[in-house]
């Protein structure tokens, strides 16, 4: 499943962030004007997932893996909850 941040959110005007949920893990694409950042993370290496869902505005989702933090902003509240649930399900399958 592919989730794309809103272009109306901060930092996503020209190149919105994308999170791709795959059977083996997730890929976070944070594009930029001259260069971008793409991180692929297997479910079993994700130690925690956090979401900030303000009453008004866009949600931020954070992944912690192998001592690193990856943060993406600009997702709807429902998308952020779906991403978190998919990651937790994937983590459960990877451990079980």
N, C-alpha and C. Protein backbone atom coordinates (compact mmCIF):
# COMPACT_ATOMS: atom_id res chain seq x y z
N UNK A 1 0.85 -1.17 0.00
CA UNK A 1 0.00 0.00 0.00
C UNK A 1 0.90 1.24 0.00
N UNK A 2 0.52 2.24 -0.73
CA UNK A 2 1.32 3.45 -0.85
C UNK A 2 0.56 4.64 -0.26
N UNK A 3 1.23 5.38 0.62
CA UNK A 3 0.63 6.56 1.25
C UNK A 3 1.47 7.77 0.87
N UNK A 4 0.81 8.86 0.48
CA UNK A 4 1.51 10.08 0.08
C UNK A 4 1.05 11.22 0.98
N UNK A 5 2.02 11.99 1.47
CA UNK A 5 1.71 13.13 2.32
C UNK A 5 1.01 14.22 1.52
N UNK A 6 0.28 15.04 2.20
CA UNK A 6 -0.44 16.13 1.56
C UNK A 6 0.52 17.22 1.09
N UNK A 7 0.28 17.76 -0.08
CA UNK A 7 1.10 18.87 -0.59
C UNK A 7 0.85 20.15 0.21
N UNK A 8 -0.23 20.21 0.94
CA UNK A 8 -0.54 21.40 1.73
C UNK A 8 0.23 21.44 3.04
N UNK A 9 0.84 20.33 3.42
CA UNK A 9 1.56 20.28 4.69
C UNK A 9 2.96 20.86 4.55
N UNK A 10 3.52 21.22 5.68
CA UNK A 10 4.85 21.83 5.73
C UNK A 10 5.92 20.88 5.19
N UNK A 11 6.76 21.38 4.29
CA UNK A 11 7.87 20.60 3.76
C UNK A 11 7.51 19.67 2.61
N UNK A 12 6.27 19.66 2.18
CA UNK A 12 5.83 18.74 1.13
C UNK A 12 5.23 19.46 -0.07
N UNK A 13 5.54 20.74 -0.26
CA UNK A 13 4.90 21.53 -1.31
C UNK A 13 5.17 20.99 -2.71
N UNK A 14 6.43 20.79 -3.06
CA UNK A 14 6.78 20.32 -4.40
C UNK A 14 6.91 18.81 -4.47
N UNK A 15 7.53 18.24 -3.45
CA UNK A 15 7.83 16.81 -3.45
C UNK A 15 7.31 16.16 -2.17
N UNK A 16 6.09 15.65 -2.19
CA UNK A 16 5.54 15.07 -0.96
C UNK A 16 6.22 13.75 -0.58
N UNK A 17 6.30 13.52 0.70
CA UNK A 17 6.86 12.28 1.25
C UNK A 17 5.93 11.12 0.95
N UNK A 18 6.52 9.95 0.70
CA UNK A 18 5.74 8.74 0.47
C UNK A 18 6.19 7.64 1.41
N UNK A 19 5.23 6.86 1.88
CA UNK A 19 5.53 5.66 2.66
C UNK A 19 4.87 4.50 1.94
N UNK A 20 5.67 3.48 1.62
CA UNK A 20 5.17 2.31 0.92
C UNK A 20 5.25 1.12 1.88
N UNK A 21 4.09 0.55 2.17
CA UNK A 21 4.01 -0.62 3.06
C UNK A 21 4.04 -1.86 2.19
N UNK A 22 5.05 -2.70 2.41
CA UNK A 22 5.26 -3.91 1.62
C UNK A 22 5.16 -5.13 2.53
N UNK A 23 5.09 -6.33 1.97
CA UNK A 23 4.97 -7.53 2.81
C UNK A 23 6.15 -7.76 3.75
N UNK A 24 7.36 -7.32 3.37
CA UNK A 24 8.55 -7.57 4.19
C UNK A 24 8.99 -6.38 5.01
N UNK A 25 8.46 -5.19 4.73
CA UNK A 25 8.88 -3.99 5.46
C UNK A 25 8.27 -2.75 4.85
N UNK A 26 8.87 -1.61 5.16
CA UNK A 26 8.37 -0.34 4.64
C UNK A 26 9.50 0.41 3.94
N UNK A 27 9.12 1.27 3.02
CA UNK A 27 10.06 2.16 2.35
C UNK A 27 9.55 3.57 2.53
N UNK A 28 10.43 4.46 3.00
CA UNK A 28 10.10 5.86 3.20
C UNK A 28 10.88 6.66 2.18
N UNK A 29 10.16 7.41 1.33
CA UNK A 29 10.79 8.24 0.31
C UNK A 29 10.55 9.70 0.67
N UNK A 30 11.66 10.41 0.95
CA UNK A 30 11.58 11.84 1.25
C UNK A 30 12.34 12.55 0.12
N UNK A 31 11.63 12.96 -0.93
CA UNK A 31 12.30 13.56 -2.08
C UNK A 31 12.77 14.98 -1.79
N UNK A 32 13.70 15.44 -2.60
CA UNK A 32 14.21 16.80 -2.49
C UNK A 32 14.43 17.37 -3.87
N UNK A 33 14.81 18.62 -3.93
CA UNK A 33 15.00 19.29 -5.21
C UNK A 33 16.17 18.69 -5.99
N UNK A 34 17.31 18.54 -5.34
CA UNK A 34 18.48 18.00 -6.02
C UNK A 34 18.83 16.59 -5.57
N UNK A 35 18.36 16.21 -4.43
CA UNK A 35 18.60 14.86 -3.95
C UNK A 35 17.47 14.48 -3.01
N UNK A 36 17.29 13.21 -2.83
CA UNK A 36 16.24 12.74 -1.94
C UNK A 36 16.80 11.69 -1.01
N UNK A 37 15.96 11.25 -0.12
CA UNK A 37 16.36 10.23 0.84
C UNK A 37 15.34 9.11 0.76
N UNK A 38 15.82 7.90 0.58
CA UNK A 38 14.96 6.73 0.55
C UNK A 38 15.51 5.71 1.53
N UNK A 39 14.64 5.26 2.43
CA UNK A 39 15.04 4.30 3.45
C UNK A 39 14.10 3.11 3.41
N UNK A 40 14.67 1.93 3.31
CA UNK A 40 13.89 0.69 3.39
C UNK A 40 14.20 0.02 4.72
N UNK A 41 13.14 -0.38 5.42
CA UNK A 41 13.29 -0.94 6.76
C UNK A 41 12.47 -2.22 6.85
N UNK A 42 13.11 -3.30 7.27
CA UNK A 42 12.40 -4.56 7.48
C UNK A 42 11.62 -4.48 8.79
N UNK A 43 10.49 -5.15 8.84
CA UNK A 43 9.64 -5.10 10.04
C UNK A 43 10.38 -5.55 11.29
N UNK A 44 11.21 -6.57 11.18
CA UNK A 44 11.87 -7.09 12.37
C UNK A 44 12.93 -6.16 12.93
N UNK A 45 13.33 -5.13 12.18
CA UNK A 45 14.32 -4.18 12.70
C UNK A 45 13.67 -2.92 13.27
N UNK A 46 12.35 -2.80 13.17
CA UNK A 46 11.65 -1.64 13.72
C UNK A 46 11.40 -1.88 15.20
N UNK A 47 11.94 -0.99 16.03
CA UNK A 47 11.77 -1.17 17.47
C UNK A 47 10.54 -0.45 18.01
N UNK A 48 10.12 0.65 17.35
CA UNK A 48 8.95 1.39 17.82
C UNK A 48 8.38 2.24 16.70
N UNK A 49 7.09 2.52 16.81
CA UNK A 49 6.40 3.41 15.88
C UNK A 49 5.59 4.38 16.72
N UNK A 50 5.70 5.67 16.40
CA UNK A 50 4.92 6.69 17.11
C UNK A 50 4.22 7.56 16.09
N UNK A 51 3.01 8.00 16.42
CA UNK A 51 2.33 8.97 15.58
C UNK A 51 1.86 10.13 16.44
N UNK A 52 1.98 11.33 15.89
CA UNK A 52 1.42 12.53 16.50
C UNK A 52 0.26 12.96 15.62
N UNK A 53 -0.94 12.94 16.19
CA UNK A 53 -2.13 13.32 15.43
C UNK A 53 -2.80 14.49 16.12
N UNK A 54 -2.47 15.71 15.69
CA UNK A 54 -3.09 16.88 16.31
C UNK A 54 -4.57 16.97 15.95
N UNK A 55 -5.31 17.73 16.73
CA UNK A 55 -6.74 17.91 16.48
C UNK A 55 -6.96 18.57 15.13
N UNK A 56 -6.13 19.55 14.81
CA UNK A 56 -6.20 20.24 13.52
C UNK A 56 -4.82 20.17 12.89
N UNK A 57 -4.77 19.77 11.63
CA UNK A 57 -3.49 19.71 10.94
C UNK A 57 -3.14 18.28 10.55
N UNK A 58 -1.91 18.13 10.12
CA UNK A 58 -1.45 16.85 9.59
C UNK A 58 -0.64 16.08 10.61
N UNK A 59 -0.64 14.77 10.46
CA UNK A 59 0.03 13.88 11.40
C UNK A 59 1.48 13.66 11.03
N UNK A 60 2.27 13.35 12.06
CA UNK A 60 3.67 12.99 11.90
C UNK A 60 3.83 11.56 12.39
N UNK A 61 4.60 10.77 11.64
CA UNK A 61 4.86 9.39 12.03
C UNK A 61 6.36 9.20 12.16
N UNK A 62 6.78 8.51 13.25
CA UNK A 62 8.19 8.26 13.53
C UNK A 62 8.44 6.77 13.64
N UNK A 63 9.53 6.33 13.01
CA UNK A 63 9.96 4.93 13.08
C UNK A 63 11.33 4.91 13.73
N UNK A 64 11.52 3.99 14.64
CA UNK A 64 12.83 3.80 15.26
C UNK A 64 13.34 2.42 14.85
N UNK A 65 14.52 2.41 14.25
CA UNK A 65 15.09 1.13 13.82
C UNK A 65 16.61 1.18 13.95
N UNK A 66 17.16 0.17 14.57
CA UNK A 66 18.61 0.04 14.74
C UNK A 66 19.27 1.33 15.26
N UNK A 67 18.63 1.98 16.19
CA UNK A 67 19.18 3.19 16.78
C UNK A 67 18.96 4.46 15.96
N UNK A 68 18.26 4.37 14.84
CA UNK A 68 17.99 5.53 13.99
C UNK A 68 16.52 5.92 14.10
N UNK A 69 16.27 7.20 13.85
CA UNK A 69 14.89 7.69 13.83
C UNK A 69 14.60 8.24 12.44
N UNK A 70 13.49 7.82 11.85
CA UNK A 70 13.03 8.33 10.57
C UNK A 70 11.67 8.97 10.83
N UNK A 71 11.50 10.21 10.39
CA UNK A 71 10.28 10.96 10.66
C UNK A 71 9.69 11.46 9.36
N UNK A 72 8.37 11.33 9.20
CA UNK A 72 7.66 11.81 8.02
C UNK A 72 6.44 12.58 8.49
N UNK A 73 6.19 13.73 7.85
CA UNK A 73 5.10 14.62 8.26
C UNK A 73 4.17 14.85 7.07
N UNK A 74 2.91 15.10 7.38
CA UNK A 74 1.96 15.51 6.35
C UNK A 74 0.91 14.49 6.00
N UNK A 75 0.73 13.48 6.81
CA UNK A 75 -0.24 12.44 6.52
C UNK A 75 -1.55 12.72 7.27
N UNK A 76 -2.66 12.27 6.69
CA UNK A 76 -3.93 12.41 7.38
C UNK A 76 -3.92 11.52 8.62
N UNK A 77 -4.80 11.81 9.55
CA UNK A 77 -4.89 11.03 10.78
C UNK A 77 -5.21 9.57 10.48
N UNK A 78 -6.12 9.34 9.55
CA UNK A 78 -6.50 7.96 9.22
C UNK A 78 -5.35 7.22 8.53
N UNK A 79 -4.61 7.91 7.64
CA UNK A 79 -3.45 7.27 7.00
C UNK A 79 -2.39 6.92 8.03
N UNK A 80 -2.12 7.83 8.96
CA UNK A 80 -1.10 7.57 9.99
C UNK A 80 -1.49 6.36 10.83
N UNK A 81 -2.76 6.25 11.19
CA UNK A 81 -3.21 5.09 11.98
C UNK A 81 -3.13 3.80 11.17
N UNK A 82 -3.45 3.85 9.87
CA UNK A 82 -3.34 2.67 9.02
C UNK A 82 -1.88 2.23 8.88
N UNK A 83 -0.98 3.18 8.69
CA UNK A 83 0.44 2.86 8.57
C UNK A 83 0.94 2.21 9.85
N UNK A 84 0.59 2.80 10.99
CA UNK A 84 1.03 2.24 12.27
C UNK A 84 0.49 0.83 12.47
N UNK A 85 -0.79 0.61 12.15
CA UNK A 85 -1.39 -0.72 12.30
C UNK A 85 -0.71 -1.73 11.37
N UNK A 86 -0.42 -1.32 10.14
CA UNK A 86 0.24 -2.23 9.19
C UNK A 86 1.64 -2.60 9.69
N UNK A 87 2.35 -1.64 10.25
CA UNK A 87 3.69 -1.91 10.76
C UNK A 87 3.62 -2.85 11.97
N UNK A 88 2.69 -2.60 12.87
CA UNK A 88 2.56 -3.47 14.04
C UNK A 88 2.16 -4.89 13.63
N UNK A 89 1.30 -5.02 12.63
CA UNK A 89 0.94 -6.35 12.12
C UNK A 89 2.15 -7.03 11.51
N UNK A 90 2.93 -6.28 10.73
CA UNK A 90 4.14 -6.83 10.11
C UNK A 90 5.17 -7.24 11.14
N UNK A 91 5.31 -6.43 12.19
CA UNK A 91 6.24 -6.78 13.27
C UNK A 91 5.81 -8.06 13.97
N UNK A 92 4.50 -8.21 14.16
CA UNK A 92 3.98 -9.42 14.79
C UNK A 92 4.23 -10.66 13.95
N UNK A 93 4.06 -10.54 12.64
CA UNK A 93 4.34 -11.67 11.73
C UNK A 93 5.83 -11.99 11.70
N UNK A 94 6.68 -10.96 11.73
CA UNK A 94 8.13 -11.18 11.67
C UNK A 94 8.64 -11.88 12.93
N UNK A 95 8.02 -11.62 14.06
CA UNK A 95 8.46 -12.22 15.33
C UNK A 95 7.82 -13.58 15.57
N UNK A 96 6.64 -13.77 14.99
CA UNK A 96 5.88 -14.97 15.30
C UNK A 96 6.09 -16.05 14.36
